[in-house]
Amino acid sequence: MKRDVWIFLFLLGLVVFNWPFISIFRENFTIYPFVVWFLLILAIILTNLLPDREDRGD
């Protein structure tokens, strides 16, 4: 399951640093990259700290 979270975080990082989101937040562009980068790093840290649960299919 952790692999799915890593793929999701990678794709989320690609999306939030591309054109649509950057143009939406152009008024606050000086803050936007730092906040998003911090939140992505925080999500990565939480992903590593949480125990990996496996689906047993019961």
Protein backbone atom coordinates (compact mmCIF):
# COMPACT_ATOMS: atom_id res chain seq x y z
CA MET A 1 0.00 0.00 0.00
CA LYS A 2 2.90 2.35 0.65
CA ARG A 3 3.87 2.12 -3.01
CA ASP A 4 0.47 3.52 -3.98
CA VAL A 5 0.96 6.45 -1.61
CA TRP A 6 4.39 7.19 -3.10
CA ILE A 7 2.95 7.21 -6.60
CA PHE A 8 0.11 9.47 -5.46
CA LEU A 9 2.51 11.93 -3.79
CA PHE A 10 4.70 12.02 -6.90
CA LEU A 11 1.74 12.73 -9.18
CA LEU A 12 0.38 15.30 -6.74
CA GLY A 13 3.74 17.07 -6.79
CA LEU A 14 3.70 17.13 -10.58
CA VAL A 15 0.19 18.56 -10.65
CA VAL A 16 0.63 21.32 -8.07
CA PHE A 17 3.82 22.64 -9.67
CA ASN A 18 2.37 22.88 -13.18
CA TRP A 19 0.49 25.55 -15.07
CA PRO A 20 -3.12 25.46 -13.80
CA PHE A 21 -2.28 25.72 -10.12
CA ILE A 22 0.54 28.19 -10.54
CA SER A 23 -1.71 30.50 -12.55
CA ILE A 24 -4.46 30.24 -9.94
CA PHE A 25 -2.11 31.34 -7.16
CA ARG A 26 -0.20 34.00 -9.10
CA GLU A 27 -1.13 36.71 -6.55
CA ASN A 28 0.57 34.73 -3.78
CA PHE A 29 3.28 33.19 -5.92
CA THR A 30 6.04 34.21 -3.53
CA ILE A 31 4.54 32.01 -0.81
CA TYR A 32 2.92 29.24 -2.87
CA PRO A 33 6.00 27.15 -3.82
CA PHE A 34 7.32 27.16 -0.25
CA VAL A 35 3.99 26.14 1.28
CA VAL A 36 3.39 23.39 -1.26
CA TRP A 37 6.95 22.10 -0.93
CA PHE A 38 6.62 22.06 2.87
CA LEU A 39 3.30 20.17 2.69
CA LEU A 40 4.74 17.60 0.29
CA ILE A 41 7.74 17.02 2.56
CA LEU A 42 5.40 16.71 5.55
CA ALA A 43 3.30 14.14 3.67
CA ILE A 44 6.45 12.16 2.80
CA ILE A 45 7.58 12.17 6.43
CA LEU A 46 4.16 11.02 7.63
CA THR A 47 4.13 8.29 5.00
CA ASN A 48 7.44 6.98 6.28
CA LEU A 49 6.46 7.15 9.94
CA LEU A 50 3.11 5.39 9.66
CA PRO A 51 3.26 1.61 9.80
CA ASP A 52 2.68 -0.22 6.55
CA ARG A 53 -0.64 -2.09 6.61
CA GLU A 54 -1.17 -4.92 4.22
CA ASP A 55 -4.55 -5.95 2.90
CA ARG A 56 -5.16 -9.58 3.69
CA GLY A 57 -8.30 -9.88 1.59
CA ASP A 58 -10.38 -11.36 4.40
